[in-house]
Structure formats: C-alpha cells, structure tokens
C-alpha cells in the first residue's frame, strides 16, 4: 500500500473552495491502494525557523541527530509516495502555514542532500500535487508564485512528477463559479483515479 500525505492549508475549513477540490480528490482515491494521512500545519507544532527554534534545530543537525522527534515531519514527508498540498491563492502565493511547513520539512540529510555536484532530492515521492483555487485568472502568469514555487520543490526534494489543478477566475466578473469549481473537482477526481 502506498502512503499519501495530504497537507491541508485551507484556512476557511469546510467553507473553502480549495477544500471542496481536495475532498473530490480524496474521495476518488482507491482505498485499497493508498493509506492517507491528513496533516493541517495550523494545528501542528510548527513554527517559523527563527530565534531559539531555529538555533535548536541547527544544533541537532550539527550533532547529526536526524532521528530526533523534531524531524518527524521531514521523515514523514520523505517517506510519502504522493504528497498533496491543498491551499488557496493567498497574496499571489499560498498561506504562510504552508511555507512554515515546507521550512520544517526541508532538512539536509532527510529530504534533500548536497554533494560536489549540487543539491539533490532524497524523497521517495512519485508525485507532488498542488490543489488550489483562485479568485482571478493567474494560470501561467508571473503574478502567481505558489505553483511555481511548489513545482521547483519537486526537483529540490526529488519527486518524479508535479501536477497543479487550479480553479481560476472564481471571483471574476462574468464567470460561472459553480462551473469552474465543478471542473476543478472533476480534474482532481481524474488525477486521483490515475494514481
């Protein structure tokens, strides 16, 4: 059975349109194929890497204590076969909790490594997925930084593939939000069934 790690950064909870896309994805997964772990960074013991929290981490790394409980999120991330980030567009990117999560799982020796040839990913993940919704039309524009950042992490962490499913234009004049959301949910279902 494969491990799927679902990182829920939908700050509006059940009211979130991104959460609806995520729900469609999760419901379409083959239960006999995936063991799903849902993690909400807002509810975890994660903080930005700053001050004592940062220096304590650096000390553990210098001592080679990669098995310390502090790195449990990095180990969990590195061992997942599929990682799904569910987060809405937020200030042209995604909510800060997702960045805090990424900071905490970016651990040299666990999720990535470095040698004379450069940085290489150590995660066993086959697929990194980003499910998102956006009020305007951002797909493929320089203004949208969330998907671009996460796609770059695919290589940094060593994932085999990256897919972004976005419901764009949900708040734009002249659009049909229900249709856009339904299309994004359908794409999410199709992706889940293809895994």
N, C-alpha and C. Protein backbone atom coordinates (compact mmCIF):
# COMPACT_ATOMS: atom_id res chain seq x y z
N UNK A 1 0.84 -1.19 0.00
CA UNK A 1 0.00 0.00 0.00
C UNK A 1 0.88 1.24 0.00
N UNK A 2 0.48 2.24 -0.80
CA UNK A 2 1.26 3.46 -0.90
C UNK A 2 0.80 4.48 0.14
N UNK A 3 1.76 5.33 0.53
CA UNK A 3 1.49 6.38 1.51
C UNK A 3 1.20 7.69 0.79
N UNK A 4 0.04 8.28 1.08
CA UNK A 4 -0.31 9.59 0.54
C UNK A 4 -0.43 10.57 1.68
N UNK A 5 0.34 11.63 1.62
CA UNK A 5 0.34 12.68 2.64
C UNK A 5 -0.39 13.89 2.09
N UNK A 6 -1.48 14.25 2.75
CA UNK A 6 -2.34 15.36 2.31
C UNK A 6 -2.14 16.53 3.26
N UNK A 7 -1.55 17.61 2.77
CA UNK A 7 -1.27 18.78 3.59
C UNK A 7 -2.39 19.80 3.38
N UNK A 8 -3.23 19.94 4.40
CA UNK A 8 -4.43 20.78 4.32
C UNK A 8 -4.14 22.19 4.84
N UNK A 9 -4.04 23.14 3.91
CA UNK A 9 -3.83 24.53 4.29
C UNK A 9 -5.02 25.39 3.87
N UNK A 10 -6.20 24.82 3.97
CA UNK A 10 -7.44 25.53 3.62
C UNK A 10 -7.93 26.28 4.86
N UNK A 11 -7.56 27.53 4.96
CA UNK A 11 -7.80 28.30 6.18
C UNK A 11 -9.27 28.52 6.50
N UNK A 12 -10.13 28.40 5.51
CA UNK A 12 -11.57 28.61 5.76
C UNK A 12 -12.29 27.30 6.07
N UNK A 13 -11.53 26.24 6.27
CA UNK A 13 -12.14 24.96 6.63
C UNK A 13 -13.10 24.46 5.58
N UNK A 14 -14.27 24.01 6.02
CA UNK A 14 -15.28 23.44 5.12
C UNK A 14 -15.82 24.46 4.12
N UNK A 15 -15.72 25.73 4.44
CA UNK A 15 -16.19 26.78 3.53
C UNK A 15 -15.22 27.03 2.38
N UNK A 16 -14.04 26.50 2.46
CA UNK A 16 -13.01 26.72 1.47
C UNK A 16 -13.35 26.03 0.15
N UNK A 17 -13.21 26.77 -0.94
CA UNK A 17 -13.43 26.17 -2.26
C UNK A 17 -12.31 25.19 -2.58
N UNK A 18 -11.09 25.49 -2.12
CA UNK A 18 -9.99 24.56 -2.31
C UNK A 18 -10.26 23.26 -1.57
N UNK A 19 -10.87 23.34 -0.39
CA UNK A 19 -11.21 22.14 0.38
C UNK A 19 -12.18 21.27 -0.41
N UNK A 20 -13.07 21.88 -1.18
CA UNK A 20 -14.00 21.10 -1.99
C UNK A 20 -13.26 20.33 -3.08
N UNK A 21 -12.26 20.96 -3.69
CA UNK A 21 -11.45 20.28 -4.70
C UNK A 21 -10.67 19.14 -4.03
N UNK A 22 -10.13 19.41 -2.86
CA UNK A 22 -9.40 18.38 -2.12
C UNK A 22 -10.29 17.21 -1.73
N UNK A 23 -11.50 17.49 -1.31
CA UNK A 23 -12.44 16.43 -0.94
C UNK A 23 -12.75 15.55 -2.15
N UNK A 24 -12.96 16.17 -3.31
CA UNK A 24 -13.21 15.40 -4.53
C UNK A 24 -12.02 14.48 -4.83
N UNK A 25 -10.82 15.00 -4.66
CA UNK A 25 -9.60 14.21 -4.89
C UNK A 25 -9.55 13.02 -3.93
N UNK A 26 -9.71 13.28 -2.65
CA UNK A 26 -9.59 12.22 -1.64
C UNK A 26 -10.66 11.14 -1.81
N UNK A 27 -11.87 11.56 -2.14
CA UNK A 27 -12.96 10.60 -2.29
C UNK A 27 -12.76 9.70 -3.51
N UNK A 28 -12.00 10.17 -4.51
CA UNK A 28 -11.78 9.38 -5.73
C UNK A 28 -10.58 8.44 -5.63
N UNK A 29 -9.80 8.56 -4.58
CA UNK A 29 -8.64 7.66 -4.41
C UNK A 29 -9.10 6.23 -4.17
N UNK A 30 -8.36 5.29 -4.69
CA UNK A 30 -8.63 3.87 -4.45
C UNK A 30 -8.19 3.53 -3.03
N UNK A 31 -9.14 3.20 -2.11
CA UNK A 31 -8.77 2.94 -0.72
C UNK A 31 -7.86 1.73 -0.54
N UNK A 32 -7.91 0.78 -1.45
CA UNK A 32 -7.06 -0.38 -1.34
C UNK A 32 -5.63 -0.11 -1.81
N UNK A 33 -5.44 1.07 -2.40
CA UNK A 33 -4.15 1.42 -2.96
C UNK A 33 -3.36 2.41 -2.09
N UNK A 34 -4.09 3.27 -1.34
CA UNK A 34 -3.43 4.34 -0.59
C UNK A 34 -3.85 4.36 0.88
N UNK A 35 -2.86 4.57 1.72
CA UNK A 35 -3.10 4.92 3.12
C UNK A 35 -2.91 6.43 3.19
N UNK A 36 -3.96 7.15 3.57
CA UNK A 36 -3.96 8.61 3.55
C UNK A 36 -3.73 9.16 4.95
N UNK A 37 -2.78 10.08 5.04
CA UNK A 37 -2.55 10.83 6.28
C UNK A 37 -2.83 12.29 5.98
N UNK A 38 -3.75 12.89 6.74
CA UNK A 38 -4.08 14.30 6.57
C UNK A 38 -3.38 15.09 7.67
N UNK A 39 -2.68 16.11 7.27
CA UNK A 39 -1.95 16.95 8.22
C UNK A 39 -2.32 18.41 7.96
N UNK A 40 -2.71 19.10 9.02
CA UNK A 40 -3.04 20.52 8.93
C UNK A 40 -1.95 21.29 9.67
N UNK A 41 -1.05 21.97 8.95
CA UNK A 41 0.07 22.67 9.61
C UNK A 41 -0.35 23.65 10.68
N UNK A 42 -1.54 24.24 10.54
CA UNK A 42 -2.02 25.20 11.52
C UNK A 42 -2.22 24.54 12.89
N UNK A 43 -2.50 23.24 12.90
CA UNK A 43 -2.79 22.53 14.14
C UNK A 43 -1.59 21.75 14.67
N UNK A 44 -0.47 21.83 13.99
CA UNK A 44 0.73 21.09 14.40
C UNK A 44 1.68 21.99 15.19
N UNK A 45 2.74 21.39 15.69
CA UNK A 45 3.74 22.12 16.47
C UNK A 45 4.81 22.72 15.56
N UNK A 46 4.36 23.45 14.57
CA UNK A 46 5.28 24.03 13.59
C UNK A 46 5.34 25.54 13.79
N UNK A 47 6.55 26.05 13.70
CA UNK A 47 6.75 27.49 13.82
C UNK A 47 7.75 27.91 12.76
N UNK A 48 7.79 29.19 12.44
CA UNK A 48 8.81 29.66 11.50
C UNK A 48 10.21 29.40 12.07
N UNK A 49 11.16 29.16 11.20
CA UNK A 49 12.53 28.93 11.64
C UNK A 49 13.16 30.27 12.00
N UNK A 50 13.08 30.60 13.28
CA UNK A 50 13.63 31.86 13.77
C UNK A 50 13.99 31.70 15.25
N UNK A 51 14.91 32.54 15.69
CA UNK A 51 15.28 32.57 17.09
C UNK A 51 15.74 31.23 17.63
N UNK A 52 15.37 30.93 18.87
CA UNK A 52 15.79 29.70 19.53
C UNK A 52 15.29 28.46 18.79
N UNK A 53 14.09 28.55 18.22
CA UNK A 53 13.53 27.41 17.47
C UNK A 53 14.46 27.04 16.31
N UNK A 54 15.02 28.04 15.65
CA UNK A 54 15.95 27.82 14.55
C UNK A 54 17.29 27.27 15.07
N UNK A 55 17.86 27.93 16.08
CA UNK A 55 19.19 27.53 16.57
C UNK A 55 19.19 26.15 17.20
N UNK A 56 18.10 25.77 17.87
CA UNK A 56 18.00 24.41 18.42
C UNK A 56 18.03 23.39 17.28
N UNK A 57 17.37 23.71 16.20
CA UNK A 57 17.36 22.83 15.02
C UNK A 57 18.76 22.70 14.43
N UNK A 58 19.45 23.82 14.32
CA UNK A 58 20.80 23.81 13.77
C UNK A 58 21.75 22.97 14.63
N UNK A 59 21.58 23.06 15.95
CA UNK A 59 22.40 22.26 16.85
C UNK A 59 22.16 20.76 16.63
N UNK A 60 20.91 20.37 16.48
CA UNK A 60 20.57 18.97 16.24
C UNK A 60 21.19 18.48 14.93
N UNK A 61 21.13 19.33 13.91
CA UNK A 61 21.72 18.96 12.62
C UNK A 61 23.24 18.83 12.72
N UNK A 62 23.87 19.76 13.44
CA UNK A 62 25.33 19.71 13.60
C UNK A 62 25.77 18.45 14.34
N UNK A 63 24.92 17.98 15.25
CA UNK A 63 25.22 16.78 16.02
C UNK A 63 24.80 15.51 15.28
N UNK A 64 24.20 15.66 14.10
CA UNK A 64 23.76 14.50 13.31
C UNK A 64 22.58 13.76 13.89
N UNK A 65 21.78 14.44 14.69
CA UNK A 65 20.64 13.80 15.35
C UNK A 65 19.39 13.85 14.47
N UNK A 66 19.47 13.21 13.32
CA UNK A 66 18.35 13.23 12.37
C UNK A 66 17.17 12.38 12.84
N UNK A 67 17.38 11.56 13.86
CA UNK A 67 16.29 10.76 14.40
C UNK A 67 15.53 11.47 15.52
N UNK A 68 15.89 12.71 15.80
CA UNK A 68 15.22 13.48 16.85
C UNK A 68 13.75 13.71 16.47
N UNK A 69 12.83 13.68 17.44
CA UNK A 69 11.41 13.90 17.14
C UNK A 69 11.13 15.21 16.40
N UNK A 70 12.01 16.16 16.56
CA UNK A 70 11.85 17.44 15.87
C UNK A 70 11.74 17.26 14.35
N UNK A 71 12.33 16.20 13.83
CA UNK A 71 12.36 15.98 12.39
C UNK A 71 11.32 14.97 11.91
N UNK A 72 10.33 14.70 12.74
CA UNK A 72 9.31 13.70 12.35
C UNK A 72 8.54 14.12 11.10
N UNK A 73 8.29 15.41 10.94
CA UNK A 73 7.56 15.86 9.74
C UNK A 73 8.40 15.65 8.48
N UNK A 74 9.69 15.88 8.59
CA UNK A 74 10.58 15.68 7.44
C UNK A 74 10.65 14.21 7.06
N UNK A 75 10.73 13.32 8.05
CA UNK A 75 10.76 11.89 7.76
C UNK A 75 9.45 11.43 7.13
N UNK A 76 8.35 11.92 7.66
CA UNK A 76 7.03 11.58 7.11
C UNK A 76 6.93 12.03 5.66
N UNK A 77 7.39 13.24 5.38
CA UNK A 77 7.36 13.80 4.03
C UNK A 77 8.25 12.98 3.09
N UNK A 78 9.45 12.64 3.55
CA UNK A 78 10.41 11.91 2.73
C UNK A 78 9.93 10.51 2.38
N UNK A 79 9.13 9.90 3.26
CA UNK A 79 8.67 8.53 3.05
C UNK A 79 7.36 8.43 2.26
N UNK A 80 6.68 9.54 2.05
CA UNK A 80 5.40 9.50 1.33
C UNK A 80 5.62 9.22 -0.15
N UNK A 81 4.75 8.41 -0.72
CA UNK A 81 4.79 8.12 -2.15
C UNK A 81 4.17 9.27 -2.96
N UNK A 82 3.14 9.88 -2.38
CA UNK A 82 2.46 11.01 -3.01
C UNK A 82 2.25 12.07 -1.93
N UNK A 83 2.54 13.32 -2.27
CA UNK A 83 2.26 14.43 -1.36
C UNK A 83 1.32 15.39 -2.08
N UNK A 84 0.24 15.76 -1.40
CA UNK A 84 -0.74 16.69 -1.95
C UNK A 84 -0.78 17.93 -1.06
N UNK A 85 -0.58 19.08 -1.66
CA UNK A 85 -0.76 20.36 -0.97
C UNK A 85 -2.10 20.93 -1.41
N UNK A 86 -2.98 21.21 -0.46
CA UNK A 86 -4.26 21.85 -0.76
C UNK A 86 -4.24 23.22 -0.11
N UNK A 87 -4.16 24.26 -0.93
CA UNK A 87 -4.04 25.62 -0.40
C UNK A 87 -4.57 26.62 -1.42
N UNK A 88 -5.34 27.61 -0.98
CA UNK A 88 -5.84 28.62 -1.91
C UNK A 88 -4.77 29.65 -2.26
N UNK A 89 -5.04 30.39 -3.33
CA UNK A 89 -4.18 31.54 -3.64
C UNK A 89 -4.28 32.51 -2.47
N UNK A 90 -3.14 32.99 -2.03
CA UNK A 90 -3.08 33.89 -0.87
C UNK A 90 -1.94 34.86 -1.13
N UNK A 91 -2.24 36.10 -1.39
CA UNK A 91 -1.20 37.10 -1.66
C UNK A 91 -0.25 36.63 -2.77
N UNK A 92 -0.83 36.16 -3.86
CA UNK A 92 -0.14 35.69 -5.06
C UNK A 92 0.63 34.38 -4.85
N UNK A 93 0.47 33.78 -3.69
CA UNK A 93 1.18 32.54 -3.41
C UNK A 93 0.23 31.57 -2.70
N UNK A 94 0.48 31.31 -1.42
CA UNK A 94 -0.36 30.43 -0.61
C UNK A 94 -0.22 30.87 0.84
N UNK A 95 -1.07 30.38 1.74
CA UNK A 95 -1.00 30.80 3.14
C UNK A 95 0.36 30.51 3.79
N UNK A 96 0.72 31.35 4.73
CA UNK A 96 2.03 31.26 5.41
C UNK A 96 2.24 29.90 6.06
N UNK A 97 1.17 29.25 6.53
CA UNK A 97 1.34 27.95 7.17
C UNK A 97 1.97 26.93 6.24
N UNK A 98 1.70 27.04 4.94
CA UNK A 98 2.31 26.10 4.01
C UNK A 98 3.82 26.36 3.90
N UNK A 99 4.21 27.62 3.87
CA UNK A 99 5.64 27.95 3.82
C UNK A 99 6.34 27.48 5.10
N UNK A 100 5.69 27.66 6.23
CA UNK A 100 6.26 27.20 7.50
C UNK A 100 6.43 25.69 7.48
N UNK A 101 5.45 24.98 6.93
CA UNK A 101 5.57 23.52 6.81
C UNK A 101 6.76 23.16 5.93
N UNK A 102 6.88 23.80 4.78
CA UNK A 102 7.98 23.49 3.86
C UNK A 102 9.33 23.77 4.54
N UNK A 103 9.43 24.87 5.28
CA UNK A 103 10.67 25.17 6.01
C UNK A 103 11.03 24.03 6.96
N UNK A 104 10.03 23.51 7.63
CA UNK A 104 10.28 22.48 8.64
C UNK A 104 10.60 21.11 8.04
N UNK A 105 10.15 20.84 6.82
CA UNK A 105 10.48 19.54 6.22
C UNK A 105 11.72 19.62 5.35
N UNK A 106 12.23 20.80 5.11
CA UNK A 106 13.46 20.96 4.33
C UNK A 106 14.66 20.71 5.24
N UNK A 107 15.08 19.46 5.31
CA UNK A 107 16.14 19.07 6.24
C UNK A 107 17.24 18.33 5.47
N UNK A 108 18.42 18.92 5.47
CA UNK A 108 19.58 18.30 4.82
C UNK A 108 19.85 16.95 5.47
N UNK A 109 19.89 15.91 4.64
CA UNK A 109 20.11 14.56 5.14
C UNK A 109 18.84 13.74 5.23
N UNK A 110 17.68 14.41 5.16
CA UNK A 110 16.40 13.69 5.21
C UNK A 110 15.63 13.89 3.90
N UNK A 111 15.32 15.12 3.56
CA UNK A 111 14.52 15.37 2.35
C UNK A 111 15.36 15.83 1.17
N UNK A 112 16.57 16.27 1.44
CA UNK A 112 17.50 16.62 0.37
C UNK A 112 18.91 16.42 0.86
N UNK A 113 19.85 16.41 -0.07
CA UNK A 113 21.26 16.29 0.26
C UNK A 113 22.07 17.21 -0.62
N UNK A 114 23.34 17.29 -0.35
CA UNK A 114 24.22 18.17 -1.12
C UNK A 114 25.58 17.50 -1.27
N UNK A 115 26.08 17.52 -2.50
CA UNK A 115 27.42 16.98 -2.74
C UNK A 115 28.15 17.90 -3.72
N UNK A 116 29.28 17.47 -4.25
CA UNK A 116 30.08 18.30 -5.14
C UNK A 116 29.33 18.68 -6.42
N UNK A 117 28.33 17.88 -6.79
CA UNK A 117 27.55 18.18 -7.99
C UNK A 117 26.37 19.12 -7.71
N UNK A 118 26.08 19.35 -6.44
CA UNK A 118 24.99 20.26 -6.09
C UNK A 118 23.97 19.60 -5.17
N UNK A 119 22.80 20.19 -5.12
CA UNK A 119 21.72 19.71 -4.25
C UNK A 119 20.93 18.64 -4.99
N UNK A 120 20.52 17.61 -4.27
CA UNK A 120 19.70 16.55 -4.86
C UNK A 120 18.62 16.14 -3.86
N UNK A 121 17.48 15.71 -4.39
CA UNK A 121 16.37 15.29 -3.55
C UNK A 121 16.55 13.90 -3.00
N UNK A 122 16.06 13.68 -1.77
CA UNK A 122 16.17 12.37 -1.13
C UNK A 122 14.79 11.75 -0.86
N UNK A 123 13.74 12.43 -1.26
CA UNK A 123 12.40 11.90 -1.01
C UNK A 123 12.09 10.78 -1.99
N UNK A 124 11.31 9.81 -1.53
CA UNK A 124 10.96 8.70 -2.41
C UNK A 124 9.69 8.99 -3.21
N UNK A 125 9.13 10.17 -3.02
CA UNK A 125 7.86 10.52 -3.64
C UNK A 125 7.82 10.41 -5.15
N UNK A 126 6.72 9.85 -5.64
CA UNK A 126 6.50 9.72 -7.07
C UNK A 126 5.83 10.95 -7.65
N UNK A 127 5.00 11.61 -6.82
CA UNK A 127 4.17 12.69 -7.35
C UNK A 127 3.94 13.75 -6.28
N UNK A 128 4.15 15.00 -6.66
CA UNK A 128 3.85 16.16 -5.82
C UNK A 128 2.68 16.88 -6.49
N UNK A 129 1.60 17.10 -5.75
CA UNK A 129 0.37 17.65 -6.31
C UNK A 129 -0.03 18.90 -5.56
N UNK A 130 -0.48 19.90 -6.31
CA UNK A 130 -0.97 21.15 -5.72
C UNK A 130 -2.40 21.36 -6.17
N UNK A 131 -3.33 21.39 -5.20
CA UNK A 131 -4.73 21.68 -5.47
C UNK A 131 -5.01 23.08 -4.95
N UNK A 132 -5.55 23.94 -5.81
CA UNK A 132 -5.75 25.32 -5.40
C UNK A 132 -6.96 25.94 -6.10
N UNK A 133 -7.44 27.03 -5.54
CA UNK A 133 -8.47 27.84 -6.19
C UNK A 133 -8.03 29.29 -6.10
N UNK A 134 -8.47 30.06 -7.12
CA UNK A 134 -8.05 31.46 -7.21
C UNK A 134 -9.23 32.31 -7.66
N UNK A 135 -9.33 33.50 -7.08
CA UNK A 135 -10.43 34.40 -7.44
C UNK A 135 -10.29 34.95 -8.85
N UNK A 136 -9.05 35.22 -9.26
CA UNK A 136 -8.80 35.78 -10.59
C UNK A 136 -8.19 34.75 -11.51
N UNK A 137 -7.70 35.23 -12.65
CA UNK A 137 -7.07 34.35 -13.62
C UNK A 137 -5.55 34.49 -13.51
N UNK A 138 -4.90 33.48 -12.97
CA UNK A 138 -3.47 33.54 -12.71
C UNK A 138 -2.67 32.46 -13.42
N UNK A 139 -3.34 31.46 -13.93
CA UNK A 139 -2.65 30.33 -14.54
C UNK A 139 -1.63 30.80 -15.57
N UNK A 140 -0.37 30.41 -15.37
CA UNK A 140 0.68 30.72 -16.33
C UNK A 140 1.17 32.16 -16.33
N UNK A 141 0.76 32.96 -15.35
CA UNK A 141 1.22 34.35 -15.29
C UNK A 141 2.34 34.48 -14.26
N UNK A 142 3.22 35.47 -14.45
CA UNK A 142 4.29 35.67 -13.46
C UNK A 142 3.77 36.08 -12.09
N UNK A 143 2.53 36.59 -12.03
CA UNK A 143 1.97 37.04 -10.76
C UNK A 143 1.74 35.88 -9.79
N UNK A 144 1.45 34.70 -10.31
CA UNK A 144 1.16 33.56 -9.45
C UNK A 144 2.47 32.87 -9.08
N UNK A 145 2.79 32.88 -7.80
CA UNK A 145 4.06 32.32 -7.35
C UNK A 145 3.92 31.00 -6.61
N UNK A 146 2.73 30.64 -6.16
CA UNK A 146 2.55 29.42 -5.38
C UNK A 146 2.89 28.16 -6.15
N UNK A 147 2.27 27.99 -7.31
CA UNK A 147 2.52 26.79 -8.10
C UNK A 147 3.96 26.75 -8.62
N UNK A 148 4.48 27.89 -8.99
CA UNK A 148 5.86 27.94 -9.49
C UNK A 148 6.84 27.50 -8.40
N UNK A 149 6.61 27.95 -7.18
CA UNK A 149 7.46 27.59 -6.06
C UNK A 149 7.38 26.08 -5.78
N UNK A 150 6.16 25.55 -5.72
CA UNK A 150 6.00 24.14 -5.42
C UNK A 150 6.54 23.25 -6.54
N UNK A 151 6.43 23.71 -7.78
CA UNK A 151 6.99 22.93 -8.88
C UNK A 151 8.52 22.88 -8.77
N UNK A 152 9.14 23.96 -8.34
CA UNK A 152 10.59 23.96 -8.13
C UNK A 152 10.97 22.99 -7.01
N UNK A 153 10.11 22.87 -6.00
CA UNK A 153 10.38 21.94 -4.90
C UNK A 153 10.35 20.49 -5.36
N UNK A 154 9.61 20.21 -6.43
CA UNK A 154 9.57 18.84 -6.97
C UNK A 154 10.99 18.33 -7.20
N UNK A 155 11.81 19.13 -7.86
CA UNK A 155 13.19 18.72 -8.13
C UNK A 155 14.06 18.79 -6.88
N UNK A 156 13.85 19.84 -6.09
CA UNK A 156 14.63 20.01 -4.87
C UNK A 156 14.50 18.79 -3.95
N UNK A 157 13.27 18.28 -3.83
CA UNK A 157 13.03 17.13 -2.96
C UNK A 157 13.17 15.79 -3.68
N UNK A 158 13.20 15.80 -5.01
CA UNK A 158 13.40 14.57 -5.76
C UNK A 158 12.14 13.83 -6.15
N UNK A 159 11.02 14.51 -6.26
CA UNK A 159 9.78 13.87 -6.69
C UNK A 159 9.83 13.60 -8.19
N UNK A 160 9.10 12.56 -8.62
CA UNK A 160 9.11 12.20 -10.03
C UNK A 160 8.26 13.09 -10.91
N UNK A 161 7.12 13.58 -10.38
CA UNK A 161 6.19 14.36 -11.20
C UNK A 161 5.56 15.47 -10.37
N UNK A 162 5.06 16.48 -11.06
CA UNK A 162 4.35 17.59 -10.42
C UNK A 162 3.08 17.88 -11.21
N UNK A 163 1.98 18.07 -10.51
CA UNK A 163 0.72 18.45 -11.14
C UNK A 163 0.05 19.52 -10.30
N UNK A 164 -0.44 20.56 -10.98
CA UNK A 164 -1.24 21.59 -10.32
C UNK A 164 -2.63 21.57 -10.94
N UNK A 165 -3.64 21.50 -10.09
CA UNK A 165 -5.02 21.64 -10.53
C UNK A 165 -5.55 22.89 -9.86
N UNK A 166 -5.96 23.86 -10.69
CA UNK A 166 -6.40 25.15 -10.17
C UNK A 166 -7.78 25.51 -10.72
N UNK A 167 -8.63 25.96 -9.84
CA UNK A 167 -9.90 26.56 -10.26
C UNK A 167 -9.67 28.06 -10.33
N UNK A 168 -9.47 28.58 -11.53
CA UNK A 168 -9.15 30.00 -11.73
C UNK A 168 -10.40 30.81 -12.08
N UNK A 169 -10.42 32.07 -11.63
CA UNK A 169 -11.48 33.00 -12.02
C UNK A 169 -12.76 32.89 -11.23
N UNK A 170 -12.69 32.34 -10.02
CA UNK A 170 -13.90 32.12 -9.25
C UNK A 170 -14.60 33.41 -8.81
N UNK A 171 -13.87 34.50 -8.71
CA UNK A 171 -14.46 35.77 -8.29
C UNK A 171 -14.46 36.81 -9.40
N UNK A 172 -14.12 36.41 -10.60
CA UNK A 172 -14.03 37.37 -11.72
C UNK A 172 -15.42 37.65 -12.28
N UNK A 173 -15.62 38.89 -12.73
CA UNK A 173 -16.89 39.26 -13.35
C UNK A 173 -17.15 38.43 -14.59
N UNK A 174 -18.38 38.02 -14.75
CA UNK A 174 -18.78 37.30 -15.96
C UNK A 174 -18.46 35.83 -15.97
N UNK A 175 -17.95 35.29 -14.87
CA UNK A 175 -17.65 33.86 -14.82
C UNK A 175 -18.77 33.10 -14.12
N UNK A 176 -18.74 31.80 -14.24
CA UNK A 176 -19.70 30.93 -13.55
C UNK A 176 -18.94 30.12 -12.51
N UNK A 177 -18.84 30.64 -11.29
CA UNK A 177 -18.03 29.98 -10.27
C UNK A 177 -18.38 28.51 -10.05
N UNK A 178 -19.66 28.19 -10.06
CA UNK A 178 -20.07 26.80 -9.83
C UNK A 178 -19.51 25.89 -10.92
N UNK A 179 -19.49 26.37 -12.15
CA UNK A 179 -18.97 25.57 -13.27
C UNK A 179 -17.46 25.41 -13.13
N UNK A 180 -16.78 26.50 -12.81
CA UNK A 180 -15.32 26.45 -12.66
C UNK A 180 -14.93 25.48 -11.55
N UNK A 181 -15.64 25.57 -10.43
CA UNK A 181 -15.34 24.69 -9.29
C UNK A 181 -15.64 23.23 -9.64
N UNK A 182 -16.73 23.00 -10.32
CA UNK A 182 -17.08 21.63 -10.73
C UNK A 182 -16.02 21.05 -11.66
N UNK A 183 -15.50 21.87 -12.56
CA UNK A 183 -14.45 21.41 -13.49
C UNK A 183 -13.17 21.07 -12.74
N UNK A 184 -12.81 21.91 -11.76
CA UNK A 184 -11.60 21.64 -10.96
C UNK A 184 -11.78 20.36 -10.15
N UNK A 185 -12.96 20.16 -9.59
CA UNK A 185 -13.23 18.93 -8.83
C UNK A 185 -13.14 17.70 -9.73
N UNK A 186 -13.66 17.82 -10.95
CA UNK A 186 -13.60 16.69 -11.87
C UNK A 186 -12.15 16.37 -12.25
N UNK A 187 -11.35 17.40 -12.49
CA UNK A 187 -9.93 17.17 -12.79
C UNK A 187 -9.22 16.50 -11.62
N UNK A 188 -9.59 16.91 -10.40
CA UNK A 188 -8.99 16.32 -9.20
C UNK A 188 -9.37 14.85 -9.09
N UNK A 189 -10.64 14.52 -9.38
CA UNK A 189 -11.07 13.11 -9.35
C UNK A 189 -10.31 12.29 -10.37
N UNK A 190 -10.17 12.83 -11.56
CA UNK A 190 -9.46 12.11 -12.65
C UNK A 190 -8.00 11.87 -12.27
N UNK A 191 -7.38 12.87 -11.66
CA UNK A 191 -5.99 12.69 -11.24
C UNK A 191 -5.88 11.62 -10.17
N UNK A 192 -6.77 11.65 -9.20
CA UNK A 192 -6.75 10.66 -8.12
C UNK A 192 -6.92 9.24 -8.67
N UNK A 193 -7.81 9.09 -9.62
CA UNK A 193 -8.05 7.75 -10.21
C UNK A 193 -6.88 7.27 -11.04
N UNK A 194 -6.07 8.22 -11.53
CA UNK A 194 -4.94 7.85 -12.39
C UNK A 194 -3.70 7.42 -11.61
N UNK A 195 -3.69 7.67 -10.32
CA UNK A 195 -2.51 7.38 -9.49
C UNK A 195 -2.37 5.89 -9.22
